[in-house]
Amino acid sequence: MSENALGPEDRKIVTLARSARARNGVPEGAAVRDETGRTYVAGSVGLDSLKLSALRTAVAMAVASGAKSLEAAAVVSEAGAVSDEDRAAVRDLGGAETQVLLAGLDGEVVATVSAG
């Protein structure tokens, strides 16, 4: 799916996710959009005592900031699929129908899956 096929709000979260990955020099970047349109952006966390994917970190940031639901999520990664754990975190806050966009390092969306 080309980035041009996405709506502007979905393009925005893919761009934010890609920027977080590049800016922080981490393997993954992610962004989520809550029910009010606010976005939360994160990179993967790789401390000795704490390992979190970028998407789970972005969901945690949304929850910690008071988000009640998610409209969409995006992750930029070399991975070929969105992990079950990442989809579960999105589902917990956004519901089974929340769309998760998976983009490659170039920002090109390679898959869209539901959180369910």
Protein backbone atom coordinates (compact mmCIF):
# COMPACT_ATOMS: atom_id res chain seq x y z
CA MET A 1 0.00 0.00 0.00
CA SER A 2 1.51 3.34 -0.93
CA GLU A 3 1.62 6.13 1.58
CA ASN A 4 -0.53 8.17 -0.83
CA ALA A 5 -3.36 5.63 -0.39
CA LEU A 6 -3.50 6.48 3.32
CA GLY A 7 -5.59 9.28 4.74
CA PRO A 8 -3.71 12.30 6.10
CA GLU A 9 -4.06 11.28 9.75
CA ASP A 10 -2.69 7.81 9.05
CA ARG A 11 0.18 9.26 7.00
CA LYS A 12 0.94 11.49 9.98
CA ILE A 13 1.33 8.60 12.44
CA VAL A 14 3.52 6.65 10.00
CA THR A 15 5.73 9.73 9.57
CA LEU A 16 5.90 10.25 13.34
CA ALA A 17 6.82 6.61 13.90
CA ARG A 18 9.54 6.77 11.26
CA SER A 19 10.92 9.98 12.75
CA ALA A 20 11.02 8.51 16.27
CA ARG A 21 13.00 5.53 15.03
CA ALA A 22 15.51 7.67 13.15
CA ARG A 23 15.84 10.36 15.81
CA ASN A 24 16.48 7.89 18.63
CA GLY A 25 18.53 5.39 16.67
CA VAL A 26 16.36 2.48 17.78
CA PRO A 27 15.17 -0.60 15.86
CA GLU A 28 11.49 0.44 15.85
CA GLY A 29 9.40 3.58 16.01
CA ALA A 30 5.67 3.73 16.67
CA ALA A 31 2.83 6.19 16.99
CA VAL A 32 -0.77 5.84 18.12
CA ARG A 33 -3.73 8.19 17.76
CA ASP A 34 -6.31 8.37 20.54
CA GLU A 35 -10.04 9.06 20.42
CA THR A 36 -9.47 12.83 20.57
CA GLY A 37 -6.89 12.85 17.76
CA ARG A 38 -3.87 13.26 20.04
CA THR A 39 -0.79 11.29 19.04
CA TYR A 40 1.76 9.51 21.17
CA VAL A 41 5.14 8.60 19.70
CA ALA A 42 7.80 6.23 20.99
CA GLY A 43 10.82 4.17 20.09
CA SER A 44 11.67 0.72 21.30
CA VAL A 45 13.21 0.46 24.76
CA GLY A 46 16.22 -1.79 25.19
CA LEU A 47 17.51 -1.38 28.74
CA ASP A 48 19.05 -4.28 30.60
CA SER A 49 16.10 -4.29 33.00
CA LEU A 50 13.33 -3.21 30.61
CA LYS A 51 12.60 -4.31 27.05
CA LEU A 52 9.56 -2.88 25.27
CA SER A 53 8.63 -2.69 21.63
CA ALA A 54 7.97 0.76 20.23
CA LEU A 55 4.26 0.04 19.83
CA ARG A 56 3.80 -1.15 23.42
CA THR A 57 5.73 1.91 24.62
CA ALA A 58 3.47 4.23 22.58
CA VAL A 59 0.35 2.54 23.97
CA ALA A 60 1.73 2.88 27.51
CA MET A 61 2.39 6.59 26.91
CA ALA A 62 -1.20 7.03 25.69
CA VAL A 63 -2.60 5.27 28.77
CA ALA A 64 -0.34 7.26 31.10
CA SER A 65 -1.57 10.47 29.45
CA GLY A 66 -5.23 9.61 30.00
CA ALA A 67 -6.28 8.24 26.60
CA LYS A 68 -9.50 6.25 26.81
CA SER A 69 -9.32 4.58 23.38
CA LEU A 70 -7.23 4.35 20.22
CA GLU A 71 -8.28 5.09 16.66
CA ALA A 72 -5.15 3.78 14.91
CA ALA A 73 -1.56 2.71 15.40
CA ALA A 74 1.55 2.57 13.24
CA VAL A 75 4.90 0.87 13.66
CA VAL A 76 8.02 1.27 11.54
CA SER A 77 10.20 -1.81 11.72
CA GLU A 78 12.21 -4.33 9.75
CA ALA A 79 9.94 -7.04 11.15
CA GLY A 80 7.70 -8.78 8.66
CA ALA A 81 4.66 -8.74 10.93
CA VAL A 82 3.16 -7.02 13.94
CA SER A 83 3.72 -9.24 16.97
CA ASP A 84 0.82 -10.76 18.88
CA GLU A 85 1.95 -8.86 22.00
CA ASP A 86 1.87 -5.54 20.15
CA ARG A 87 -1.56 -6.26 18.69
CA ALA A 88 -2.80 -7.21 22.18
CA ALA A 89 -1.63 -3.89 23.66
CA VAL A 90 -3.45 -1.97 20.92
CA ARG A 91 -6.55 -4.17 21.37
CA ASP A 92 -6.59 -3.58 25.15
CA LEU A 93 -6.98 0.15 24.64
CA GLY A 94 -8.53 0.45 21.19
CA GLY A 95 -10.54 -2.71 20.68
CA ALA A 96 -10.23 -5.59 18.23
CA GLU A 97 -11.08 -3.49 15.15
CA THR A 98 -8.32 -0.89 15.68
CA GLN A 99 -6.08 -0.84 12.62
CA VAL A 100 -2.32 -1.26 12.97
CA LEU A 101 -0.18 -0.07 10.07
CA LEU A 102 3.18 -1.80 9.59
CA ALA A 103 5.71 0.17 7.58
CA GLY A 104 9.22 -0.62 6.48
CA LEU A 105 12.17 1.59 7.33
CA ASP A 106 11.42 3.71 4.23
CA GLY A 107 7.95 4.52 5.60
CA GLU A 108 6.16 2.45 2.98
CA VAL A 109 3.20 0.64 4.54
CA VAL A 110 3.62 -3.09 3.90
CA ALA A 111 0.65 -4.41 5.91
CA THR A 112 -2.48 -3.28 7.70
CA VAL A 113 -3.85 -5.62 10.35
CA SER A 114 -6.55 -5.36 12.97
CA ALA A 115 -5.60 -5.48 16.63
CA GLY A 116 -8.01 -8.39 17.10
